[in-house]
Amino acid sequence: MEYVIVGCGRTGAALAHLLLAEGAGVTVLDQNPAAFTALGDGFAGRLEIGTGIDEDVLRRAGADAADGLAAVTSDDNRNLMCALIARRRFGVPRVAARINDPARGELYDDLDVQTICPTLTSAKQIRDALGVGRSEPRALRAEIGAAFSGRSVGELAEPGRVVIAAVTRGARAFVPTLEDLLEAGDRVVAFVAPEAIDTFARRLHGAPEMETRR
């Protein structure tokens, strides 16, 4: 898999190293050569100098054959324009743009560009840390023990608090209905409100310890 990262600030540099750690090929593009120092010594990806809103520069960086492109400069307008060029001119399958203005993200929902807003994400995390509003659900994995075998998914779920998203039985995975019966050894993925985690665990009647999905 090949990815192009436009912008080599802290976010771009961190993303580049994360993708390399996953075995992906990475090209980092920035108009300021000094920005590449954020990558540290021994960076294994490619470096290109130029602006992400120039089609020739993007082509040189490999956008025409990329599996994904992330526009993460400090300029919202530049990120959005780069993302649109990547989608419309080069047909990049997956495109993400960082924006700081939450209102702008709504304008691009229909343009096949995923927008990431650190401003809004940070605000939500701080709200949750203050204990205000509804916290984000946790994705949990658990194995069904003999005590819950033969009982329905609906007995494990809880409206507004626990959603059973998937069940894996042997080599087969499926999205369950509330009426589906669980079997010992089934592995479930559940989205659980933080305040319902203890109740969910007790409902499993001593099932093995659940692992938080990262």
C-alpha atoms as a PDB file:
ATOM      1  CA  MET A   1       0.000   0.000   0.000  1.00  0.00           C
ATOM      2  CA  GLU A   2       1.276   3.449  -0.944  1.00  0.00           C
ATOM      3  CA  TYR A   3       0.311   6.681   0.794  1.00  0.00           C
ATOM      4  CA  VAL A   4       1.029  10.358   0.252  1.00  0.00           C
ATOM      5  CA  ILE A   5       1.126  12.735   3.223  1.00  0.00           C
ATOM      6  CA  VAL A   6       0.897  16.441   2.401  1.00  0.00           C
ATOM      7  CA  GLY A   7       2.329  18.502   5.248  1.00  0.00           C
ATOM      8  CA  CYS A   8       5.245  17.584   7.477  1.00  0.00           C
ATOM      9  CA  GLY A   9       4.330  19.188  10.764  1.00  0.00           C
ATOM     10  CA  ARG A  10       3.942  17.159  13.940  1.00  0.00           C
ATOM     11  CA  THR A  11       0.802  15.448  12.680  1.00  0.00           C
ATOM     12  CA  GLY A  12       2.236  14.599   9.277  1.00  0.00           C
ATOM     13  CA  ALA A  13       5.486  13.285  10.747  1.00  0.00           C
ATOM     14  CA  ALA A  14       3.688  11.153  13.331  1.00  0.00           C
ATOM     15  CA  LEU A  15       1.343   9.764  10.683  1.00  0.00           C
ATOM     16  CA  ALA A  16       4.266   8.929   8.395  1.00  0.00           C
ATOM     17  CA  HIS A  17       5.953   6.861  11.097  1.00  0.00           C
ATOM     18  CA  LEU A  18       2.685   5.098  11.984  1.00  0.00           C
ATOM     19  CA  LEU A  19       2.130   4.075   8.351  1.00  0.00           C
ATOM     20  CA  LEU A  20       5.714   2.907   7.937  1.00  0.00           C
ATOM     21  CA  ALA A  21       5.315   0.792  11.067  1.00  0.00           C
ATOM     22  CA  GLU A  22       2.364  -0.901   9.346  1.00  0.00           C
ATOM     23  CA  GLY A  23       4.558  -1.799   6.378  1.00  0.00           C
ATOM     24  CA  ALA A  24       3.151   0.835   4.009  1.00  0.00           C
ATOM     25  CA  GLY A  25       5.095   2.883   1.507  1.00  0.00           C
ATOM     26  CA  VAL A  26       5.038   6.584   2.396  1.00  0.00           C
ATOM     27  CA  THR A  27       5.836   9.779   0.516  1.00  0.00           C
ATOM     28  CA  VAL A  28       5.864  13.003   2.528  1.00  0.00           C
ATOM     29  CA  LEU A  29       5.330  16.258   0.654  1.00  0.00           C
ATOM     30  CA  ASP A  30       6.002  19.743   2.023  1.00  0.00           C
ATOM     31  CA  GLN A  31       6.864  23.066   0.416  1.00  0.00           C
ATOM     32  CA  ASN A  32       9.402  23.839   3.145  1.00  0.00           C
ATOM     33  CA  PRO A  33      12.461  21.533   3.087  1.00  0.00           C
ATOM     34  CA  ALA A  34      13.239  22.408   6.705  1.00  0.00           C
ATOM     35  CA  ALA A  35       9.964  20.774   7.763  1.00  0.00           C
ATOM     36  CA  PHE A  36      11.388  17.314   7.051  1.00  0.00           C
ATOM     37  CA  THR A  37      13.546  17.567  10.177  1.00  0.00           C
ATOM     38  CA  ALA A  38      10.369  16.601  12.089  1.00  0.00           C
ATOM     39  CA  LEU A  39      10.765  13.092  10.679  1.00  0.00           C
ATOM     40  CA  GLY A  40      14.064  12.521  12.481  1.00  0.00           C
ATOM     41  CA  ASP A  41      17.129  10.709  11.209  1.00  0.00           C
ATOM     42  CA  GLY A  42      16.873   7.550   9.144  1.00  0.00           C
ATOM     43  CA  PHE A  43      13.368   8.129   7.791  1.00  0.00           C
ATOM     44  CA  ALA A  44      12.661   5.273   5.373  1.00  0.00           C
ATOM     45  CA  GLY A  45      10.020   6.965   3.206  1.00  0.00           C
ATOM     46  CA  ARG A  46      10.289   9.304   0.229  1.00  0.00           C
ATOM     47  CA  LEU A  47      10.471  13.087   0.476  1.00  0.00           C
ATOM     48  CA  GLU A  48       9.148  15.557  -2.078  1.00  0.00           C
ATOM     49  CA  ILE A  49       9.341  19.356  -2.009  1.00  0.00           C
ATOM     50  CA  GLY A  50       6.382  21.344  -3.299  1.00  0.00           C
ATOM     51  CA  THR A  51       2.808  22.400  -2.633  1.00  0.00           C
ATOM     52  CA  GLY A  52      -0.061  19.955  -2.360  1.00  0.00           C
ATOM     53  CA  ILE A  53      -2.337  22.015  -4.604  1.00  0.00           C
ATOM     54  CA  ASP A  54      -0.104  21.651  -7.670  1.00  0.00           C
ATOM     55  CA  GLU A  55      -1.130  18.675  -9.818  1.00  0.00           C
ATOM     56  CA  ASP A  56       2.379  18.193 -11.206  1.00  0.00           C
ATOM     57  CA  VAL A  57       3.840  18.107  -7.713  1.00  0.00           C
ATOM     58  CA  LEU A  58       1.206  15.627  -6.542  1.00  0.00           C
ATOM     59  CA  ARG A  59       1.875  13.437  -9.562  1.00  0.00           C
ATOM     60  CA  ARG A  60       5.589  13.524  -8.802  1.00  0.00           C
ATOM     61  CA  ALA A  61       4.783  12.442  -5.240  1.00  0.00           C
ATOM     62  CA  GLY A  62       2.865   9.463  -6.592  1.00  0.00           C
ATOM     63  CA  ALA A  63      -0.726  10.586  -6.061  1.00  0.00           C
ATOM     64  CA  ASP A  64      -1.784   9.050  -9.380  1.00  0.00           C
ATOM     65  CA  ALA A  65      -0.992   5.565  -8.016  1.00  0.00           C
ATOM     66  CA  ALA A  66      -1.567   6.097  -4.296  1.00  0.00           C
ATOM     67  CA  ASP A  67      -3.932   4.009  -2.179  1.00  0.00           C
ATOM     68  CA  GLY A  68      -4.565   6.963   0.103  1.00  0.00           C
ATOM     69  CA  LEU A  69      -3.674  10.606   0.661  1.00  0.00           C
ATOM     70  CA  ALA A  70      -3.761  12.707   3.822  1.00  0.00           C
ATOM     71  CA  ALA A  71      -3.656  16.507   3.651  1.00  0.00           C
ATOM     72  CA  VAL A  72      -2.488  17.665   7.086  1.00  0.00           C
ATOM     73  CA  THR A  73      -0.926  21.102   6.630  1.00  0.00           C
ATOM     74  CA  SER A  74      -1.838  23.951   8.994  1.00  0.00           C
ATOM     75  CA  ASP A  75      -4.005  25.602   6.292  1.00  0.00           C
ATOM     76  CA  ASP A  76      -7.634  24.398   6.054  1.00  0.00           C
ATOM     77  CA  ASN A  77      -8.138  25.774   2.531  1.00  0.00           C
ATOM     78  CA  ARG A  78      -4.990  24.130   1.233  1.00  0.00           C
ATOM     79  CA  ASN A  79      -5.889  20.792   2.821  1.00  0.00           C
ATOM     80  CA  LEU A  80      -9.392  20.792   1.347  1.00  0.00           C
ATOM     81  CA  MET A  81      -8.205  21.840  -2.104  1.00  0.00           C
ATOM     82  CA  CYS A  82      -5.481  19.191  -2.063  1.00  0.00           C
ATOM     83  CA  ALA A  83      -8.003  16.550  -0.999  1.00  0.00           C
ATOM     84  CA  LEU A  84     -10.405  17.485  -3.795  1.00  0.00           C
ATOM     85  CA  ILE A  85      -7.630  17.348  -6.406  1.00  0.00           C
ATOM     86  CA  ALA A  86      -6.608  13.920  -5.114  1.00  0.00           C
ATOM     87  CA  ARG A  87     -10.171  12.593  -5.398  1.00  0.00           C
ATOM     88  CA  ARG A  88     -11.298  14.255  -8.607  1.00  0.00           C
ATOM     89  CA  ARG A  89      -8.131  14.441 -10.696  1.00  0.00           C
ATOM     90  CA  PHE A  90      -6.228  11.390  -9.503  1.00  0.00           C
ATOM     91  CA  GLY A  91      -9.030   9.161  -8.210  1.00  0.00           C
ATOM     92  CA  VAL A  92      -7.228   8.354  -4.962  1.00  0.00           C
ATOM     93  CA  PRO A  93      -9.497   5.786  -3.205  1.00  0.00           C
ATOM     94  CA  ARG A  94      -9.108   7.139   0.324  1.00  0.00           C
ATOM     95  CA  VAL A  95      -8.575  10.820   1.059  1.00  0.00           C
ATOM     96  CA  ALA A  96      -8.539  12.586   4.417  1.00  0.00           C
ATOM     97  CA  ALA A  97      -8.107  16.280   5.178  1.00  0.00           C
ATOM     98  CA  ARG A  98      -7.348  17.878   8.536  1.00  0.00           C
ATOM     99  CA  ILE A  99      -9.409  20.986   9.241  1.00  0.00           C
ATOM    100  CA  ASN A 100      -9.477  23.256  12.272  1.00  0.00           C
ATOM    101  CA  ASP A 101     -12.865  24.855  11.572  1.00  0.00           C
ATOM    102  CA  PRO A 102     -15.650  22.350  12.461  1.00  0.00           C
ATOM    103  CA  ALA A 103     -18.186  24.101  10.227  1.00  0.00           C
ATOM    104  CA  ARG A 104     -16.167  23.388   7.098  1.00  0.00           C
ATOM    105  CA  GLY A 105     -16.309  19.638   7.550  1.00  0.00           C
ATOM    106  CA  GLU A 106     -20.053  19.578   6.932  1.00  0.00           C
ATOM    107  CA  LEU A 107     -19.559  21.243   3.542  1.00  0.00           C
ATOM    108  CA  TYR A 108     -17.416  18.361   2.283  1.00  0.00           C
ATOM    109  CA  ASP A 109     -19.485  15.406   3.474  1.00  0.00           C
ATOM    110  CA  ASP A 110     -20.937  14.880  -0.007  1.00  0.00           C
ATOM    111  CA  LEU A 111     -17.626  15.234  -1.854  1.00  0.00           C
ATOM    112  CA  ASP A 112     -16.144  11.883  -0.824  1.00  0.00           C
ATOM    113  CA  VAL A 113     -13.507  13.585   1.324  1.00  0.00           C
ATOM    114  CA  GLN A 114     -13.197  12.563   4.949  1.00  0.00           C
ATOM    115  CA  THR A 115     -12.429  15.511   7.194  1.00  0.00           C
ATOM    116  CA  ILE A 116     -10.723  15.209  10.568  1.00  0.00           C
ATOM    117  CA  CYS A 117     -11.220  18.121  12.951  1.00  0.00           C
ATOM    118  CA  PRO A 118      -8.773  18.144  15.900  1.00  0.00           C
ATOM    119  CA  THR A 119     -10.605  21.150  17.347  1.00  0.00           C
ATOM    120  CA  LEU A 120     -13.869  19.242  17.674  1.00  0.00           C
ATOM    121  CA  THR A 121     -12.216  15.982  18.735  1.00  0.00           C
ATOM    122  CA  SER A 122     -10.261  17.704  21.510  1.00  0.00           C
ATOM    123  CA  ALA A 123     -13.353  19.567  22.696  1.00  0.00           C
ATOM    124  CA  LYS A 124     -15.318  16.313  22.982  1.00  0.00           C
ATOM    125  CA  GLN A 125     -12.517  14.584  24.859  1.00  0.00           C
ATOM    126  CA  ILE A 126     -12.259  17.474  27.323  1.00  0.00           C
ATOM    127  CA  ARG A 127     -16.051  17.473  27.757  1.00  0.00           C
ATOM    128  CA  ASP A 128     -15.940  13.773  28.579  1.00  0.00           C
ATOM    129  CA  ALA A 129     -13.019  14.276  30.971  1.00  0.00           C
ATOM    130  CA  LEU A 130     -15.136  16.848  32.793  1.00  0.00           C
ATOM    131  CA  GLY A 131     -17.946  14.315  33.082  1.00  0.00           C
ATOM    132  CA  VAL A 132     -20.375  16.370  31.017  1.00  0.00           C
ATOM    133  CA  GLY A 133     -22.729  14.775  28.487  1.00  0.00           C
ATOM    134  CA  ARG A 134     -22.613  11.226  27.169  1.00  0.00           C
ATOM    135  CA  SER A 135     -19.210   9.606  26.932  1.00  0.00           C
ATOM    136  CA  GLU A 136     -18.058   7.843  23.792  1.00  0.00           C
ATOM    137  CA  PRO A 137     -18.796   4.085  23.826  1.00  0.00           C
ATOM    138  CA  ARG A 138     -15.967   1.608  24.295  1.00  0.00           C
ATOM    139  CA  ALA A 139     -15.378  -1.209  21.812  1.00  0.00           C
ATOM    140  CA  LEU A 140     -15.004  -4.447  23.781  1.00  0.00           C
ATOM    141  CA  ARG A 141     -14.289  -8.043  22.831  1.00  0.00           C
ATOM    142  CA  ALA A 142     -15.455 -10.963  24.944  1.00  0.00           C
ATOM    143  CA  GLU A 143     -15.798 -14.721  24.643  1.00  0.00           C
ATOM    144  CA  ILE A 144     -19.103 -16.330  25.564  1.00  0.00           C
ATOM    145  CA  GLY A 145     -18.754 -18.854  28.358  1.00  0.00           C
ATOM    146  CA  ALA A 146     -20.864 -21.914  29.079  1.00  0.00           C
ATOM    147  CA  ALA A 147     -23.033 -19.944  31.521  1.00  0.00           C
ATOM    148  CA  PHE A 148     -24.401 -17.721  28.731  1.00  0.00           C
ATOM    149  CA  SER A 149     -24.583 -20.415  26.036  1.00  0.00           C
ATOM    150  CA  GLY A 150     -28.043 -20.801  24.541  1.00  0.00           C
ATOM    151  CA  ARG A 151     -29.168 -17.311  25.517  1.00  0.00           C
ATOM    152  CA  SER A 152     -30.072 -14.645  22.975  1.00  0.00           C
ATOM    153  CA  VAL A 153     -28.100 -11.626  21.826  1.00  0.00           C
ATOM    154  CA  GLY A 154     -30.985  -9.515  23.093  1.00  0.00           C
ATOM    155  CA  GLU A 155     -30.294 -10.681  26.651  1.00  0.00           C
ATOM    156  CA  LEU A 156     -26.736  -9.359  26.378  1.00  0.00           C
ATOM    157  CA  ALA A 157     -27.617  -6.098  24.639  1.00  0.00           C
ATOM    158  CA  GLU A 158     -29.132  -3.096  26.369  1.00  0.00           C
ATOM    159  CA  PRO A 159     -30.864  -0.272  24.447  1.00  0.00           C
ATOM    160  CA  GLY A 160     -28.819   2.897  24.488  1.00  0.00           C
ATOM    161  CA  ARG A 161     -26.002   1.297  26.494  1.00  0.00           C
ATOM    162  CA  VAL A 162     -24.839  -1.985  24.938  1.00  0.00           C
ATOM    163  CA  VAL A 163     -24.867  -2.879  21.219  1.00  0.00           C
ATOM    164  CA  ILE A 164     -23.623  -6.270  20.000  1.00  0.00           C
ATOM    165  CA  ALA A 165     -22.010  -5.383  16.675  1.00  0.00           C
ATOM    166  CA  ALA A 166     -20.585  -8.733  15.562  1.00  0.00           C
ATOM    167  CA  VAL A 167     -20.293 -12.386  16.511  1.00  0.00           C
ATOM    168  CA  THR A 168     -17.523 -14.720  15.384  1.00  0.00           C
ATOM    169  CA  ARG A 169     -18.291 -18.438  15.526  1.00  0.00           C
ATOM    170  CA  GLY A 170     -15.391 -20.564  14.404  1.00  0.00           C
ATOM    171  CA  ALA A 171     -14.218 -19.111  11.084  1.00  0.00           C
ATOM    172  CA  ARG A 172     -17.534 -17.348  10.423  1.00  0.00           C
ATOM    173  CA  ALA A 173     -18.310 -13.784  11.459  1.00  0.00           C
ATOM    174  CA  PHE A 174     -21.759 -12.215  11.216  1.00  0.00           C
ATOM    175  CA  VAL A 175     -23.844  -9.263  12.354  1.00  0.00           C
ATOM    176  CA  PRO A 176     -26.387 -10.738  14.773  1.00  0.00           C
ATOM    177  CA  THR A 177     -30.043 -10.020  15.352  1.00  0.00           C
ATOM    178  CA  LEU A 178     -31.425  -9.738  18.868  1.00  0.00           C
ATOM    179  CA  GLU A 179     -33.041 -13.165  18.432  1.00  0.00           C
ATOM    180  CA  ASP A 180     -29.835 -15.030  17.516  1.00  0.00           C
ATOM    181  CA  LEU A 181     -28.718 -17.534  20.154  1.00  0.00           C
ATOM    182  CA  LEU A 182     -25.145 -17.435  21.413  1.00  0.00           C
ATOM    183  CA  GLU A 183     -22.957 -20.483  21.864  1.00  0.00           C
ATOM    184  CA  ALA A 184     -20.060 -21.169  24.202  1.00  0.00           C
ATOM    185  CA  GLY A 185     -16.856 -20.085  22.473  1.00  0.00           C
ATOM    186  CA  ASP A 186     -18.531 -17.370  20.405  1.00  0.00           C
ATOM    187  CA  ARG A 187     -16.509 -14.165  20.307  1.00  0.00           C
ATOM    188  CA  VAL A 188     -18.514 -10.960  20.373  1.00  0.00           C
ATOM    189  CA  VAL A 189     -17.648  -7.340  19.621  1.00  0.00           C
ATOM    190  CA  ALA A 190     -19.770  -4.943  21.655  1.00  0.00           C
ATOM    191  CA  PHE A 191     -20.000  -1.168  21.886  1.00  0.00           C
ATOM    192  CA  VAL A 192     -20.621  -0.363  25.534  1.00  0.00           C
ATOM    193  CA  ALA A 193     -21.239   2.951  27.272  1.00  0.00           C
ATOM    194  CA  PRO A 194     -18.541   3.460  29.941  1.00  0.00           C
ATOM    195  CA  GLU A 195     -21.088   3.473  32.741  1.00  0.00           C
ATOM    196  CA  ALA A 196     -22.439   0.086  31.579  1.00  0.00           C
ATOM    197  CA  ILE A 197     -19.150  -1.845  31.371  1.00  0.00           C
ATOM    198  CA  ASP A 198     -19.408  -3.394  34.847  1.00  0.00           C
ATOM    199  CA  THR A 199     -23.022  -4.411  34.261  1.00  0.00           C
ATOM    200  CA  PHE A 200     -22.130  -5.917  30.893  1.00  0.00           C
ATOM    201  CA  ALA A 201     -19.334  -7.968  32.445  1.00  0.00           C
ATOM    202  CA  ARG A 202     -21.601  -9.274  35.210  1.00  0.00           C
ATOM    203  CA  ARG A 203     -24.234 -10.201  32.649  1.00  0.00           C
ATOM    204  CA  LEU A 204     -21.772 -12.574  31.056  1.00  0.00           C
ATOM    205  CA  HIS A 205     -21.695 -14.530  34.359  1.00  0.00           C
ATOM    206  CA  GLY A 206     -17.953 -14.820  34.733  1.00  0.00           C
ATOM    207  CA  ALA A 207     -16.894 -14.749  31.090  1.00  0.00           C
ATOM    208  CA  PRO A 208     -13.143 -14.306  30.463  1.00  0.00           C
ATOM    209  CA  GLU A 209     -11.797 -10.818  30.994  1.00  0.00           C
ATOM    210  CA  MET A 210     -12.739  -8.454  28.177  1.00  0.00           C
ATOM    211  CA  GLU A 211     -10.080  -6.693  26.132  1.00  0.00           C
ATOM    212  CA  THR A 212     -10.475  -3.073  25.107  1.00  0.00           C
ATOM    213  CA  ARG A 213      -9.930  -2.711  21.373  1.00  0.00           C
ATOM    214  CA  ARG A 214      -7.326  -0.068  20.584  1.00  0.00           C
END
